[in-house]
Amino acid sequence: MSERPGSIADMTTEVTTTQADAQRCPGADPMRRRWTPPGPLHLGQTLRVLGRGAEDPTVRVLSEDCAWLTTRCAGLPVGARFTRPPRTSGENPLRRDVVAEAWGPGASVWIERAPAWVGARDSWEEFESSPGFAQLPHVLVRARHEHPGLRLPATGAVLDRAVVAILEQRVTALEAVRAYRALLRWIAEPAPGPAPQGMRVPPTAEQWRRVPSWQWHRAGVDPARSATVMRTVQRASALERLSHREDPASVRAALQSISGIGPWTAAEITQCTHGDPDGVSVYDYHLADHVCWFFDGAPGSDERMLELLEPWRGHRQRVVRLLKASGHRKPSFGPRLSPQDHRRH
């Protein structure tokens, strides 16, 4: 299988353990990998899409040059940190080396996959050289020029991202974040290594299976979403196989064979696990209006959104990311969607 432009094979790599790091985490020497990205990379902007708020238990972007995350590799826990060395005089801050450090039983395997988490497999060259890019509104072209380090991450952690996306179905972001944090606080193990306080490793499929109905209820997760999570974790082996597929569209289609996972959830998953350049979150509470207000100057439907994005098929998620990076905001009218307390029913 040939490597794509900007792939991990193109990078200079160093895997070492430093004494200073070992002293910060006695008895658990980190694995360390240092590489030079093949193009501009904005570490914080690329990884922030994986997290949900400053207190996310699995992703913490502390600054533009430092981020922590937790995951599992071959089922084993990993706590990891991405950093960039201090900038030298005259150096482009977006082209500095990236250093990944990992602690825990799964660290030695995960460290080889670390570059993909910060978009090493994502190349914008095809899009930028296409006729469609020339058709972009000037505001979006300018957004790309102002954010050349924006990349699409590919974590491969399909099960973890599926649970997050399912918990976000049909509820406000605040409700979903509260539920996810509570569940991980109750059932997940602390992150290995010197990770920030409160970070947890995403639960295994078996740990999710053991969550009783009363605990879902206590977290504010309604029976429909908890049942979808349960159906999904029953397919954990199949999801692991999907993580190795190259084509995000085929992964989206396969995910929708699970009852309760539709186009929105599937796209939300592959955008993070496969660096999906085309996955659009249809049926999102805000996205259609966001896109339609930008192009039409008026609210619109999902059908209209897809019609507007059609000239960039194959790269529609890139257009959405540029739209958000541009700073465009749709007008606010009326009250916001109110959270619902499912624990009272």
Protein backbone atom coordinates (compact mmCIF):
# COMPACT_ATOMS: atom_id res chain seq x y z
CA MET A 1 0.00 0.00 0.00
CA SER A 2 1.50 3.32 -1.07
CA GLU A 3 1.84 6.17 1.39
CA ARG A 4 -0.15 9.34 0.76
CA PRO A 5 1.53 12.79 0.71
CA GLY A 6 2.32 13.99 4.20
CA SER A 7 2.07 10.49 5.66
CA ILE A 8 3.91 9.21 8.72
CA ALA A 9 6.49 7.57 6.48
CA ASP A 10 7.66 11.03 5.32
CA MET A 11 8.66 12.16 8.81
CA THR A 12 11.91 12.12 10.70
CA THR A 13 11.29 10.18 13.88
CA GLU A 14 12.96 9.68 17.23
CA VAL A 15 11.63 7.40 19.97
CA THR A 16 13.36 7.91 23.31
CA THR A 17 12.75 8.23 27.03
CA THR A 18 14.20 11.14 28.99
CA GLN A 19 15.33 11.09 32.62
CA ALA A 20 13.49 14.33 33.39
CA ASP A 21 10.21 12.82 32.26
CA ALA A 22 10.85 9.70 34.33
CA GLN A 23 11.35 11.87 37.42
CA ARG A 24 7.97 13.55 36.83
CA CYS A 25 6.32 10.14 36.77
CA PRO A 26 8.45 7.80 38.96
CA GLY A 27 8.42 4.15 37.94
CA ALA A 28 6.68 4.82 34.62
CA ASP A 29 9.12 5.99 31.96
CA PRO A 30 7.32 7.55 29.00
CA MET A 31 7.75 6.55 25.41
CA ARG A 32 8.82 9.56 23.36
CA ARG A 33 8.60 10.36 19.67
CA ARG A 34 9.77 13.52 17.94
CA TRP A 35 9.09 14.32 14.30
CA THR A 36 8.96 17.17 11.82
CA PRO A 37 5.50 17.66 10.29
CA PRO A 38 5.48 17.71 6.47
CA GLY A 39 3.75 21.10 6.50
CA PRO A 40 2.29 23.74 8.84
CA LEU A 41 0.59 22.35 11.94
CA HIS A 42 -1.40 24.24 14.56
CA LEU A 43 -1.41 21.79 17.45
CA GLY A 44 -4.19 23.34 19.52
CA GLN A 45 -6.50 24.08 16.60
CA THR A 46 -6.17 20.53 15.28
CA LEU A 47 -6.69 18.72 18.59
CA ARG A 48 -9.35 21.00 20.08
CA VAL A 49 -12.07 19.39 17.93
CA LEU A 50 -11.55 16.15 19.90
CA GLY A 51 -12.40 17.68 23.26
CA ARG A 52 -15.53 19.04 24.87
CA GLY A 53 -14.64 21.97 27.10
CA ALA A 54 -11.74 22.81 29.39
CA GLU A 55 -12.50 19.95 31.80
CA ASP A 56 -12.94 17.16 29.27
CA PRO A 57 -11.74 13.95 30.97
CA THR A 58 -10.00 12.65 27.83
CA VAL A 59 -8.66 15.74 26.00
CA ARG A 60 -7.10 18.87 27.52
CA VAL A 61 -5.64 21.54 25.24
CA LEU A 62 -3.64 23.58 27.75
CA SER A 63 -2.08 25.95 25.20
CA GLU A 64 -1.35 26.16 21.51
CA ASP A 65 1.83 24.15 22.16
CA CYS A 66 0.69 21.64 24.79
CA ALA A 67 -2.18 19.15 24.85
CA TRP A 68 -2.96 16.04 26.87
CA LEU A 69 -5.15 13.13 25.88
CA THR A 70 -6.09 9.65 26.97
CA THR A 71 -7.03 6.65 24.88
CA ARG A 72 -6.67 2.90 24.59
CA CYS A 73 -4.36 1.05 22.25
CA ALA A 74 -4.92 -2.68 21.80
CA GLY A 75 -7.32 -2.30 24.72
CA LEU A 76 -4.58 -0.97 27.02
CA PRO A 77 -4.68 2.48 28.68
CA VAL A 78 -2.57 5.36 27.43
CA GLY A 79 -1.98 8.85 28.77
CA ALA A 80 -0.23 11.11 26.27
CA ARG A 81 1.08 14.62 25.85
CA PHE A 82 1.80 16.58 22.66
CA THR A 83 4.20 19.52 22.88
CA ARG A 84 6.34 21.65 20.59
CA PRO A 85 9.87 22.86 21.42
CA PRO A 86 10.36 26.56 22.14
CA ARG A 87 10.47 28.72 19.05
CA THR A 88 13.90 29.83 17.86
CA SER A 89 14.59 33.22 16.30
CA GLY A 90 13.15 33.45 12.81
CA GLU A 91 11.52 30.01 12.95
CA ASN A 92 8.00 29.50 11.62
CA PRO A 93 5.99 28.50 14.74
CA LEU A 94 3.77 26.21 12.64
CA ARG A 95 6.72 24.19 11.30
CA ARG A 96 8.43 23.32 14.55
CA ASP A 97 8.93 19.71 15.54
CA VAL A 98 6.22 17.89 17.47
CA VAL A 99 7.01 15.77 20.52
CA ALA A 100 4.63 13.05 21.67
CA GLU A 101 5.12 11.36 25.04
CA ALA A 102 3.03 8.44 26.23
CA TRP A 103 2.61 6.59 29.50
CA GLY A 104 0.81 3.38 30.35
CA PRO A 105 0.65 -0.24 29.16
CA GLY A 106 -0.44 0.75 25.64
CA ALA A 107 2.16 3.49 25.17
CA SER A 108 4.68 1.54 23.10
CA VAL A 109 2.09 0.70 20.45
CA TRP A 110 0.26 4.04 20.52
CA ILE A 111 3.41 6.14 20.08
CA GLU A 112 3.75 4.82 16.52
CA ARG A 113 0.25 6.13 15.76
CA ALA A 114 0.69 9.50 17.47
CA PRO A 115 1.33 11.61 14.32
CA ALA A 116 -2.07 10.64 12.89
CA TRP A 117 -3.76 12.22 15.94
CA VAL A 118 -2.42 15.62 14.88
CA GLY A 119 -3.29 15.25 11.21
CA ALA A 120 -0.12 13.72 9.76
CA ARG A 121 -2.22 11.81 7.22
CA ASP A 122 -4.30 14.83 6.29
CA SER A 123 -3.25 16.66 3.14
CA TRP A 124 -5.02 19.76 1.83
CA GLU A 125 -2.99 19.77 -1.40
CA GLU A 126 -5.63 18.05 -3.54
CA PHE A 127 -8.33 20.44 -2.32
CA GLU A 128 -6.21 23.58 -2.70
CA SER A 129 -5.23 22.66 -6.26
CA SER A 130 -8.79 21.78 -7.31
CA PRO A 131 -11.16 24.00 -9.35
CA GLY A 132 -13.51 23.94 -6.36
CA PHE A 133 -11.01 25.79 -4.16
CA ALA A 134 -10.94 28.63 -6.66
CA GLN A 135 -14.74 28.84 -6.33
CA LEU A 136 -14.65 29.35 -2.56
CA PRO A 137 -15.86 32.71 -1.28
CA HIS A 138 -12.97 35.03 -0.53
CA VAL A 139 -13.68 34.84 3.20
CA LEU A 140 -13.00 31.09 3.21
CA VAL A 141 -9.88 31.37 1.06
CA ARG A 142 -8.61 33.97 3.48
CA ALA A 143 -9.47 31.67 6.43
CA ARG A 144 -7.30 28.96 4.89
CA HIS A 145 -4.41 31.37 4.41
CA GLU A 146 -4.80 32.58 8.00
CA HIS A 147 -5.03 29.03 9.39
CA PRO A 148 -2.58 26.94 7.33
CA GLY A 149 -1.89 24.68 10.31
CA LEU A 150 -5.50 23.45 10.57
CA ARG A 151 -5.53 19.69 10.01
CA LEU A 152 -8.09 16.91 10.39
CA PRO A 153 -7.12 14.40 13.11
CA ALA A 154 -7.39 10.64 12.64
CA THR A 155 -7.44 8.92 16.04
CA GLY A 156 -8.71 5.53 14.93
CA ALA A 157 -10.54 5.31 18.27
CA VAL A 158 -13.95 4.46 16.79
CA LEU A 159 -15.58 3.04 19.92
CA ASP A 160 -14.55 5.98 22.09
CA ARG A 161 -15.78 8.57 19.61
CA ALA A 162 -18.98 6.63 18.99
CA VAL A 163 -19.94 6.80 22.66
CA VAL A 164 -19.26 10.56 22.75
CA ALA A 165 -21.35 11.15 19.61
CA ILE A 166 -24.25 9.00 20.82
CA LEU A 167 -24.40 10.88 24.13
CA GLU A 168 -24.68 14.11 22.10
CA GLN A 169 -27.74 12.95 20.16
CA ARG A 170 -30.85 15.14 20.51
CA VAL A 171 -29.61 17.04 23.59
CA THR A 172 -27.70 20.24 24.26
CA ALA A 173 -23.92 20.19 24.39
CA LEU A 174 -24.09 21.03 28.09
CA GLU A 175 -26.21 17.95 28.84
CA ALA A 176 -23.92 15.66 26.84
CA VAL A 177 -20.76 17.02 28.45
CA ARG A 178 -22.18 16.61 31.95
CA ALA A 179 -23.26 13.05 31.27
CA TYR A 180 -19.93 12.00 29.75
CA ARG A 181 -17.89 13.54 32.56
CA ALA A 182 -20.07 11.92 35.22
CA LEU A 183 -19.95 8.48 33.66
CA LEU A 184 -16.17 8.54 33.25
CA ARG A 185 -15.74 9.82 36.79
CA TRP A 186 -17.71 6.83 38.07
CA ILE A 187 -16.46 3.98 35.87
CA ALA A 188 -13.16 4.94 34.21
CA GLU A 189 -9.63 4.58 35.54
CA PRO A 190 -7.32 7.58 36.07
CA ALA A 191 -4.97 8.46 33.24
CA PRO A 192 -1.50 6.89 33.47
CA GLY A 193 1.45 9.24 33.80
CA PRO A 194 1.52 12.85 35.05
CA ALA A 195 -1.68 13.88 33.26
CA PRO A 196 -3.72 16.81 34.59
CA GLN A 197 -5.97 16.02 37.52
CA GLY A 198 -9.34 14.57 36.60
CA MET A 199 -8.32 12.96 33.33
CA ARG A 200 -9.66 9.44 32.76
CA VAL A 201 -9.05 6.69 30.23
CA PRO A 202 -12.03 5.94 27.96
CA PRO A 203 -13.78 2.81 29.26
CA THR A 204 -13.47 -0.54 27.54
CA ALA A 205 -16.48 -2.11 25.86
CA GLU A 206 -16.85 -4.41 28.88
CA GLN A 207 -16.84 -1.47 31.30
CA TRP A 208 -19.62 0.19 29.29
CA ARG A 209 -21.61 -3.05 29.29
CA ARG A 210 -21.52 -3.16 33.09
CA VAL A 211 -23.07 0.30 33.55
CA PRO A 212 -26.47 -0.35 35.20
CA SER A 213 -29.63 1.42 34.07
CA TRP A 214 -29.83 3.45 37.27
CA GLN A 215 -26.37 4.90 36.62
CA TRP A 216 -27.32 5.99 33.11
CA HIS A 217 -30.41 7.59 34.65
CA ARG A 218 -28.31 9.30 37.32
CA ALA A 219 -26.06 10.76 34.60
CA GLY A 220 -29.11 12.17 32.81
CA VAL A 221 -28.90 9.81 29.81
CA ASP A 222 -32.31 8.72 28.52
CA PRO A 223 -33.01 5.03 27.70
CA ALA A 224 -32.81 5.57 23.93
CA ARG A 225 -29.22 6.83 24.04
CA SER A 226 -28.04 4.32 26.63
CA ALA A 227 -29.54 1.49 24.57
CA THR A 228 -27.69 2.74 21.49
CA VAL A 229 -24.44 2.81 23.44
CA MET A 230 -25.07 -0.76 24.57
CA ARG A 231 -25.77 -1.93 21.01
CA THR A 232 -22.62 -0.18 19.83
CA VAL A 233 -20.27 -1.66 22.43
CA GLN A 234 -21.59 -5.11 21.55
CA ARG A 235 -19.98 -4.47 18.14
CA ALA A 236 -16.61 -3.44 19.59
CA SER A 237 -14.62 -5.96 17.53
CA ALA A 238 -16.25 -4.77 14.32
CA LEU A 239 -15.56 -1.14 15.26
CA GLU A 240 -11.90 -2.00 15.78
CA ARG A 241 -11.77 -3.38 12.24
CA LEU A 242 -13.38 -0.21 10.94
CA SER A 243 -10.58 1.83 12.49
CA HIS A 244 -8.19 0.32 9.93
CA ARG A 245 -10.29 1.15 6.86
CA GLU A 246 -8.91 3.85 4.59
CA ASP A 247 -12.21 5.13 3.14
CA PRO A 248 -14.21 7.27 5.61
CA ALA A 249 -17.36 7.03 3.47
CA SER A 250 -17.43 3.24 3.80
CA VAL A 251 -16.91 3.60 7.56
CA ARG A 252 -19.86 5.99 7.79
CA ALA A 253 -22.03 3.52 5.90
CA ALA A 254 -20.97 0.61 8.11
CA LEU A 255 -21.62 2.55 11.31
CA GLN A 256 -25.19 3.24 10.21
CA SER A 257 -25.91 -0.50 10.24
CA ILE A 258 -26.11 -0.13 14.04
CA SER A 259 -29.62 0.80 15.11
CA GLY A 260 -29.56 4.29 16.61
CA ILE A 261 -26.58 5.54 14.59
CA GLY A 262 -27.64 7.73 11.69
CA PRO A 263 -25.86 10.11 9.30
CA TRP A 264 -25.20 12.78 11.94
CA THR A 265 -23.61 10.39 14.44
CA ALA A 266 -21.59 8.56 11.79
CA ALA A 267 -20.16 11.82 10.43
CA GLU A 268 -19.33 13.09 13.92
CA ILE A 269 -17.35 9.88 14.47
CA THR A 270 -15.36 9.74 11.23
CA GLN A 271 -14.49 13.45 11.32
CA CYS A 272 -12.31 12.60 14.32
CA THR A 273 -11.33 8.96 13.77
CA HIS A 274 -10.52 9.03 10.05
CA GLY A 275 -9.81 12.68 9.29
CA ASP A 276 -12.93 12.56 7.12
CA PRO A 277 -12.67 15.46 4.64
CA ASP A 278 -16.24 15.06 3.35
CA GLY A 279 -18.39 13.97 6.30
CA VAL A 280 -21.14 16.54 6.95
CA SER A 281 -23.16 16.46 10.17
CA VAL A 282 -26.64 16.59 8.66
CA TYR A 283 -29.55 16.99 11.10
CA ASP A 284 -27.34 19.01 13.41
CA TYR A 285 -29.28 21.54 15.50
CA HIS A 286 -27.12 24.47 14.32
CA LEU A 287 -25.02 23.52 11.30
CA ALA A 288 -27.55 23.94 8.48
CA ASP A 289 -28.49 27.43 9.60
CA HIS A 290 -24.80 28.26 10.10
CA VAL A 291 -23.96 27.26 6.51
CA CYS A 292 -27.10 28.74 4.97
CA TRP A 293 -26.69 32.08 6.71
CA PHE A 294 -23.14 32.28 5.37
CA PHE A 295 -24.02 31.52 1.75
CA ASP A 296 -27.66 32.70 1.50
CA GLY A 297 -27.92 35.29 4.24
CA ALA A 298 -30.96 33.41 5.58
CA PRO A 299 -31.74 30.26 7.59
CA GLY A 300 -32.13 27.00 5.69
CA SER A 301 -32.67 23.27 5.80
CA ASP A 302 -30.25 20.35 5.68
CA GLU A 303 -31.25 19.82 2.06
CA ARG A 304 -30.31 23.41 1.23
CA MET A 305 -27.03 23.07 3.13
CA LEU A 306 -26.06 20.00 1.09
CA GLU A 307 -27.04 21.80 -2.10
CA LEU A 308 -24.79 24.73 -1.17
CA LEU A 309 -21.86 22.45 -0.32
CA GLU A 310 -22.23 20.26 -3.43
CA PRO A 311 -19.53 22.09 -5.46
CA TRP A 312 -17.00 20.88 -2.87
CA ARG A 313 -18.13 17.26 -2.61
CA GLY A 314 -15.23 15.22 -1.38
CA HIS A 315 -14.05 18.15 0.75
CA ARG A 316 -17.27 19.40 2.33
CA GLN A 317 -16.01 18.97 5.88
CA ARG A 318 -12.98 21.07 5.01
CA VAL A 319 -15.32 23.84 3.86
CA VAL A 320 -17.29 23.58 7.13
CA ARG A 321 -14.07 23.78 9.15
CA LEU A 322 -12.95 26.85 7.18
CA LEU A 323 -16.34 28.44 7.70
CA LYS A 324 -15.97 28.03 11.46
CA ALA A 325 -12.34 29.19 11.37
CA SER A 326 -13.40 32.32 9.49
CA GLY A 327 -15.23 33.58 12.57
CA HIS A 328 -18.63 33.66 10.86
CA ARG A 329 -21.56 33.50 13.27
CA LYS A 330 -25.20 33.18 12.37
CA PRO A 331 -27.60 35.70 13.95
CA SER A 332 -29.15 34.71 17.28
CA PHE A 333 -32.92 34.83 17.57
CA GLY A 334 -35.15 33.74 20.43
CA PRO A 335 -34.34 31.46 23.36
CA ARG A 336 -31.74 28.73 23.25
CA LEU A 337 -32.65 25.05 23.38
CA SER A 338 -33.26 24.25 27.04
CA PRO A 339 -31.63 21.24 28.69
CA GLN A 340 -33.98 18.46 29.74
CA ASP A 341 -33.65 16.58 33.00
CA HIS A 342 -34.34 12.94 32.13
CA ARG A 343 -33.74 11.89 35.73
CA ARG A 344 -37.20 13.09 36.70
CA HIS A 345 -38.98 10.61 34.44
